[in-house]
Structure formats: structure tokens, C-alpha cells
């Protein structure tokens, strides 16, 4: 059994910064942090620990976003032969293309290399923009899971076969 892991780096990082803001008392709750745009800009995610938590021995990990350089995760990816897909941020500082690129790759992999009877698809993102892909693949019999912070969209949590929260492990993933 192989796990195919698809990680939206920016979504993961920004929402982890919100969890950190709540833990540090900068916001009273995730709802408060989301509503007021409060995030902890000092929080750092240990990608090596994330990889160990999310990926098993037989995993194919794909990561999209605008990654920070020099993290243990990038060294691990290079050692294992993985190549992340990186997009430069736009003029406004936001990312474009990432959700569509991830959804496209999940779909392409599902119909070309993933064995729906034995393999699993793990999405590390909580954005409801992924719902069309999740809904289609689950209805086709694929094992689709989501691993993300508690504030993942309700539709995502309910649409996948299994949801695992990263929130209880936030301190473990903190550098």
C-alpha cells in the first residue's frame, strides 16, 4: 500500500500560525484569529517532523507553495529524490495556481498510478476548493484522507473518509 501525499504548504503554514496565535494568547480562539486576521508571524513549522508524521515508509510526497529555504524537509526531499512544485508569490503577495495544481495532480495520479483498492490519497490542506476532487474520488471508491488543523473546512472534514487533526500536535511541529 502506498500513500500519495499532497501538501499545500502556504495553507498549512498560515493556518499553523493561527493555531500558534491562539496558543500564545494573541487571539482568544481560532474563530477570533480568522475573523481578525491575527497570526503569529514568528511561528516556524518543522517540515521534517511533519513528513515523519504524515508520510509512511511507502509514500510519495508532493508539496506545492512558496517554501522557506533551508528547512530539514527540503533536505529530506532532495535525499529521497522528491521535487516540490514552487510558485513565486504574485505582486499582492498571494499565491496563485496552487490549489488548481494540487487538484490537477491528485486527479491525474488517481487515474494513472494510484491503485484505488490498495493505496490512499492524503491531502494536507483544509480548503473547501478541493471538494469537487474529494467528492469525485470518494464516489469512485478511492480512499481519500485529510490531515490538517482543526479549522479545516467542515465540508472537507465530512467529505473525506478520514480526518486527522494536526492541532493537538502543534507544539511537536514547532521549531
C-alpha atoms as a PDB file:
ATOM      1  CA  UNK A   1       0.000   0.000   0.000  1.00  0.00           C
ATOM      2  CA  UNK A   2       1.313   3.406  -0.991  1.00  0.00           C
ATOM      3  CA  UNK A   3       0.207   6.752   0.393  1.00  0.00           C
ATOM      4  CA  UNK A   4       0.172   9.649  -2.041  1.00  0.00           C
ATOM      5  CA  UNK A   5       0.512  12.842  -0.011  1.00  0.00           C
ATOM      6  CA  UNK A   6      -0.383  16.268  -1.416  1.00  0.00           C
ATOM      7  CA  UNK A   7       0.618  19.261   0.723  1.00  0.00           C
ATOM      8  CA  UNK A   8      -0.499  22.868   0.274  1.00  0.00           C
ATOM      9  CA  UNK A   9       2.457  24.483   2.025  1.00  0.00           C
ATOM     10  CA  UNK A  10       1.057  28.003   2.362  1.00  0.00           C
ATOM     11  CA  UNK A  11      -2.341  26.867   3.622  1.00  0.00           C
ATOM     12  CA  UNK A  12      -0.653  24.571   6.137  1.00  0.00           C
ATOM     13  CA  UNK A  13       1.768  27.255   7.309  1.00  0.00           C
ATOM     14  CA  UNK A  14      -0.683  30.157   7.590  1.00  0.00           C
ATOM     15  CA  UNK A  15      -3.248  28.110   9.500  1.00  0.00           C
ATOM     16  CA  UNK A  16      -0.482  26.788  11.775  1.00  0.00           C
ATOM     17  CA  UNK A  17       0.414  30.423  12.515  1.00  0.00           C
ATOM     18  CA  UNK A  18      -3.213  30.977  13.558  1.00  0.00           C
ATOM     19  CA  UNK A  19      -3.087  27.997  15.921  1.00  0.00           C
ATOM     20  CA  UNK A  20       0.141  29.417  17.372  1.00  0.00           C
ATOM     21  CA  UNK A  21      -1.525  32.816  17.861  1.00  0.00           C
ATOM     22  CA  UNK A  22      -4.263  31.187  19.922  1.00  0.00           C
ATOM     23  CA  UNK A  23      -1.758  29.131  21.925  1.00  0.00           C
ATOM     24  CA  UNK A  24       0.232  32.296  22.714  1.00  0.00           C
ATOM     25  CA  UNK A  25      -2.875  34.261  23.698  1.00  0.00           C
ATOM     26  CA  UNK A  26      -2.689  36.673  20.755  1.00  0.00           C
ATOM     27  CA  UNK A  27      -6.229  35.595  19.822  1.00  0.00           C
ATOM     28  CA  UNK A  28      -8.964  34.185  22.045  1.00  0.00           C
ATOM     29  CA  UNK A  29      -9.941  31.437  19.584  1.00  0.00           C
ATOM     30  CA  UNK A  30      -9.361  30.232  16.044  1.00  0.00           C
ATOM     31  CA  UNK A  31     -12.605  31.971  15.022  1.00  0.00           C
ATOM     32  CA  UNK A  32     -11.272  35.212  16.525  1.00  0.00           C
ATOM     33  CA  UNK A  33      -7.890  34.777  14.798  1.00  0.00           C
ATOM     34  CA  UNK A  34      -9.530  34.044  11.447  1.00  0.00           C
ATOM     35  CA  UNK A  35     -12.037  36.897  11.747  1.00  0.00           C
ATOM     36  CA  UNK A  36      -9.443  39.494  12.664  1.00  0.00           C
ATOM     37  CA  UNK A  37      -6.519  38.198  10.617  1.00  0.00           C
ATOM     38  CA  UNK A  38      -4.361  37.505  13.656  1.00  0.00           C
ATOM     39  CA  UNK A  39      -1.454  35.156  13.022  1.00  0.00           C
ATOM     40  CA  UNK A  40       1.821  34.510  14.820  1.00  0.00           C
ATOM     41  CA  UNK A  41       4.465  35.528  12.282  1.00  0.00           C
ATOM     42  CA  UNK A  42       7.217  34.111  14.495  1.00  0.00           C
ATOM     43  CA  UNK A  43       5.954  30.511  14.359  1.00  0.00           C
ATOM     44  CA  UNK A  44       8.130  28.082  12.389  1.00  0.00           C
ATOM     45  CA  UNK A  45       6.994  24.709  11.096  1.00  0.00           C
ATOM     46  CA  UNK A  46       9.429  21.794  11.232  1.00  0.00           C
ATOM     47  CA  UNK A  47       8.816  20.129   7.889  1.00  0.00           C
ATOM     48  CA  UNK A  48      10.971  17.137   8.737  1.00  0.00           C
ATOM     49  CA  UNK A  49       8.695  16.301  11.667  1.00  0.00           C
ATOM     50  CA  UNK A  50       5.641  16.912   9.503  1.00  0.00           C
ATOM     51  CA  UNK A  51       6.985  14.474   6.913  1.00  0.00           C
ATOM     52  CA  UNK A  52       7.560  11.822   9.581  1.00  0.00           C
ATOM     53  CA  UNK A  53       4.021  12.312  10.931  1.00  0.00           C
ATOM     54  CA  UNK A  54       2.177  12.382   7.619  1.00  0.00           C
ATOM     55  CA  UNK A  55       4.185  10.051   5.406  1.00  0.00           C
ATOM     56  CA  UNK A  56       4.829   6.377   5.873  1.00  0.00           C
ATOM     57  CA  UNK A  57       7.671   4.315   4.517  1.00  0.00           C
ATOM     58  CA  UNK A  58       5.846   3.750   1.225  1.00  0.00           C
ATOM     59  CA  UNK A  59       4.802   7.317   0.478  1.00  0.00           C
ATOM     60  CA  UNK A  60       5.001   9.639  -2.453  1.00  0.00           C
ATOM     61  CA  UNK A  61       5.018  13.186  -1.099  1.00  0.00           C
ATOM     62  CA  UNK A  62       4.252  16.154  -3.312  1.00  0.00           C
ATOM     63  CA  UNK A  63       4.360  19.705  -1.983  1.00  0.00           C
ATOM     64  CA  UNK A  64       3.237  22.977  -3.520  1.00  0.00           C
ATOM     65  CA  UNK A  65       3.689  26.548  -2.446  1.00  0.00           C
ATOM     66  CA  UNK A  66       6.319  29.178  -1.772  1.00  0.00           C
ATOM     67  CA  UNK A  67       8.635  27.342   0.600  1.00  0.00           C
ATOM     68  CA  UNK A  68      11.110  28.811   3.039  1.00  0.00           C
ATOM     69  CA  UNK A  69      14.700  27.782   2.245  1.00  0.00           C
ATOM     70  CA  UNK A  70      16.994  25.739   4.447  1.00  0.00           C
ATOM     71  CA  UNK A  71      14.460  23.618   6.306  1.00  0.00           C
ATOM     72  CA  UNK A  72      15.084  19.951   7.148  1.00  0.00           C
ATOM     73  CA  UNK A  73      12.136  18.971   4.945  1.00  0.00           C
ATOM     74  CA  UNK A  74      13.794  20.304   1.782  1.00  0.00           C
ATOM     75  CA  UNK A  75      16.988  18.379   2.576  1.00  0.00           C
ATOM     76  CA  UNK A  76      14.922  15.242   3.105  1.00  0.00           C
ATOM     77  CA  UNK A  77      13.068  15.792  -0.172  1.00  0.00           C
ATOM     78  CA  UNK A  78      16.344  16.135  -2.018  1.00  0.00           C
ATOM     79  CA  UNK A  79      17.772  12.973  -0.418  1.00  0.00           C
ATOM     80  CA  UNK A  80      14.670  10.989  -1.360  1.00  0.00           C
ATOM     81  CA  UNK A  81      14.501  12.399  -4.875  1.00  0.00           C
ATOM     82  CA  UNK A  82      11.289  14.395  -4.439  1.00  0.00           C
ATOM     83  CA  UNK A  83      10.882  17.721  -6.181  1.00  0.00           C
ATOM     84  CA  UNK A  84       8.436  20.229  -4.772  1.00  0.00           C
ATOM     85  CA  UNK A  85       6.426  22.430  -7.109  1.00  0.00           C
ATOM     86  CA  UNK A  86       7.168  26.025  -6.227  1.00  0.00           C
ATOM     87  CA  UNK A  87       5.304  29.113  -7.368  1.00  0.00           C
ATOM     88  CA  UNK A  88       6.521  32.633  -6.817  1.00  0.00           C
ATOM     89  CA  UNK A  89       4.129  34.884  -4.983  1.00  0.00           C
ATOM     90  CA  UNK A  90       2.198  37.414  -7.037  1.00  0.00           C
ATOM     91  CA  UNK A  91       2.511  41.184  -6.802  1.00  0.00           C
ATOM     92  CA  UNK A  92      -0.083  41.243  -3.995  1.00  0.00           C
ATOM     93  CA  UNK A  93       1.923  38.662  -2.021  1.00  0.00           C
ATOM     94  CA  UNK A  94      -0.638  35.903  -2.531  1.00  0.00           C
ATOM     95  CA  UNK A  95      -0.215  32.601  -4.264  1.00  0.00           C
ATOM     96  CA  UNK A  96      -1.991  31.695  -7.445  1.00  0.00           C
ATOM     97  CA  UNK A  97      -2.248  28.347  -9.222  1.00  0.00           C
ATOM     98  CA  UNK A  98      -1.533  26.234  -6.124  1.00  0.00           C
ATOM     99  CA  UNK A  99      -4.997  24.761  -5.386  1.00  0.00           C
ATOM    100  CA  UNK A 100      -5.664  24.052  -9.047  1.00  0.00           C
ATOM    101  CA  UNK A 101      -2.216  22.491  -9.487  1.00  0.00           C
ATOM    102  CA  UNK A 102      -2.755  20.217  -6.479  1.00  0.00           C
ATOM    103  CA  UNK A 103      -6.259  19.214  -7.588  1.00  0.00           C
ATOM    104  CA  UNK A 104      -4.981  18.539 -11.109  1.00  0.00           C
ATOM    105  CA  UNK A 105      -2.114  16.349  -9.852  1.00  0.00           C
ATOM    106  CA  UNK A 106      -4.339  14.375  -7.458  1.00  0.00           C
ATOM    107  CA  UNK A 107      -6.777  13.653 -10.285  1.00  0.00           C
ATOM    108  CA  UNK A 108      -4.012  12.797 -12.756  1.00  0.00           C
ATOM    109  CA  UNK A 109      -2.335  10.451 -10.256  1.00  0.00           C
ATOM    110  CA  UNK A 110      -5.656   8.852  -9.291  1.00  0.00           C
ATOM    111  CA  UNK A 111      -6.385   7.816 -12.835  1.00  0.00           C
ATOM    112  CA  UNK A 112      -2.825   6.851 -13.834  1.00  0.00           C
ATOM    113  CA  UNK A 113      -0.797   5.473 -10.897  1.00  0.00           C
ATOM    114  CA  UNK A 114      -2.940   5.132  -7.754  1.00  0.00           C
ATOM    115  CA  UNK A 115      -4.495   1.737  -7.041  1.00  0.00           C
ATOM    116  CA  UNK A 116      -7.857   2.657  -5.525  1.00  0.00           C
ATOM    117  CA  UNK A 117      -8.176  -0.737  -3.856  1.00  0.00           C
ATOM    118  CA  UNK A 118      -4.837  -0.556  -2.034  1.00  0.00           C
ATOM    119  CA  UNK A 119      -3.450   2.987  -1.975  1.00  0.00           C
ATOM    120  CA  UNK A 120      -4.518   6.125  -0.145  1.00  0.00           C
ATOM    121  CA  UNK A 121      -4.640   9.789  -1.095  1.00  0.00           C
ATOM    122  CA  UNK A 122      -3.753  12.152   1.742  1.00  0.00           C
ATOM    123  CA  UNK A 123      -4.486  15.844   1.368  1.00  0.00           C
ATOM    124  CA  UNK A 124      -2.674  18.185   3.745  1.00  0.00           C
ATOM    125  CA  UNK A 125      -4.879  21.222   3.199  1.00  0.00           C
ATOM    126  CA  UNK A 126      -8.186  22.354   4.600  1.00  0.00           C
ATOM    127  CA  UNK A 127      -9.539  24.494   1.794  1.00  0.00           C
ATOM    128  CA  UNK A 128     -13.021  23.670   0.525  1.00  0.00           C
ATOM    129  CA  UNK A 129     -11.828  24.462  -3.008  1.00  0.00           C
ATOM    130  CA  UNK A 130     -10.709  20.809  -3.019  1.00  0.00           C
ATOM    131  CA  UNK A 131     -14.258  19.494  -2.540  1.00  0.00           C
ATOM    132  CA  UNK A 132     -15.011  18.705  -6.210  1.00  0.00           C
ATOM    133  CA  UNK A 133     -11.937  16.454  -6.356  1.00  0.00           C
ATOM    134  CA  UNK A 134     -12.612  14.903  -2.934  1.00  0.00           C
ATOM    135  CA  UNK A 135     -16.254  14.217  -3.781  1.00  0.00           C
ATOM    136  CA  UNK A 136     -15.456  12.668  -7.165  1.00  0.00           C
ATOM    137  CA  UNK A 137     -12.653  10.447  -5.898  1.00  0.00           C
ATOM    138  CA  UNK A 138     -14.551   9.213  -2.832  1.00  0.00           C
ATOM    139  CA  UNK A 139     -17.567   8.412  -5.025  1.00  0.00           C
ATOM    140  CA  UNK A 140     -15.212   6.471  -7.346  1.00  0.00           C
ATOM    141  CA  UNK A 141     -14.039   4.363  -4.392  1.00  0.00           C
ATOM    142  CA  UNK A 142     -10.691   5.996  -3.597  1.00  0.00           C
ATOM    143  CA  UNK A 143      -9.504   6.237   0.000  1.00  0.00           C
ATOM    144  CA  UNK A 144      -9.147   9.997   0.467  1.00  0.00           C
ATOM    145  CA  UNK A 145      -7.939  11.318   3.807  1.00  0.00           C
ATOM    146  CA  UNK A 146      -7.223  14.804   5.111  1.00  0.00           C
ATOM    147  CA  UNK A 147      -4.628  15.743   7.693  1.00  0.00           C
ATOM    148  CA  UNK A 148      -4.896  19.372   8.748  1.00  0.00           C
ATOM    149  CA  UNK A 149      -5.514  21.790  11.596  1.00  0.00           C
ATOM    150  CA  UNK A 150      -8.910  21.773  13.338  1.00  0.00           C
ATOM    151  CA  UNK A 151     -10.061  24.784  11.318  1.00  0.00           C
ATOM    152  CA  UNK A 152     -10.233  22.793   8.096  1.00  0.00           C
ATOM    153  CA  UNK A 153     -13.479  23.460   6.250  1.00  0.00           C
ATOM    154  CA  UNK A 154     -16.383  21.410   7.589  1.00  0.00           C
ATOM    155  CA  UNK A 155     -17.091  20.151   4.067  1.00  0.00           C
ATOM    156  CA  UNK A 156     -13.570  18.742   3.810  1.00  0.00           C
ATOM    157  CA  UNK A 157     -13.753  17.034   7.206  1.00  0.00           C
ATOM    158  CA  UNK A 158     -17.066  15.440   6.311  1.00  0.00           C
ATOM    159  CA  UNK A 159     -16.197  14.649   2.694  1.00  0.00           C
ATOM    160  CA  UNK A 160     -13.074  12.549   3.253  1.00  0.00           C
ATOM    161  CA  UNK A 161     -13.028   9.001   4.585  1.00  0.00           C
ATOM    162  CA  UNK A 162     -10.773  10.023   7.488  1.00  0.00           C
ATOM    163  CA  UNK A 163      -9.795  13.355   9.025  1.00  0.00           C
ATOM    164  CA  UNK A 164      -6.771  13.655  11.323  1.00  0.00           C
ATOM    165  CA  UNK A 165      -6.197  16.892  13.203  1.00  0.00           C
ATOM    166  CA  UNK A 166      -2.707  18.341  13.492  1.00  0.00           C
ATOM    167  CA  UNK A 167      -3.828  20.792  16.199  1.00  0.00           C
ATOM    168  CA  UNK A 168      -3.124  18.520  19.196  1.00  0.00           C
ATOM    169  CA  UNK A 169       0.429  18.093  17.849  1.00  0.00           C
ATOM    170  CA  UNK A 170       1.106  21.769  17.138  1.00  0.00           C
ATOM    171  CA  UNK A 171       3.974  22.004  19.622  1.00  0.00           C
ATOM    172  CA  UNK A 172       5.544  18.875  18.102  1.00  0.00           C
ATOM    173  CA  UNK A 173       5.680  20.584  14.704  1.00  0.00           C
ATOM    174  CA  UNK A 174       7.069  23.842  16.114  1.00  0.00           C
ATOM    175  CA  UNK A 175      10.756  24.539  15.521  1.00  0.00           C
END
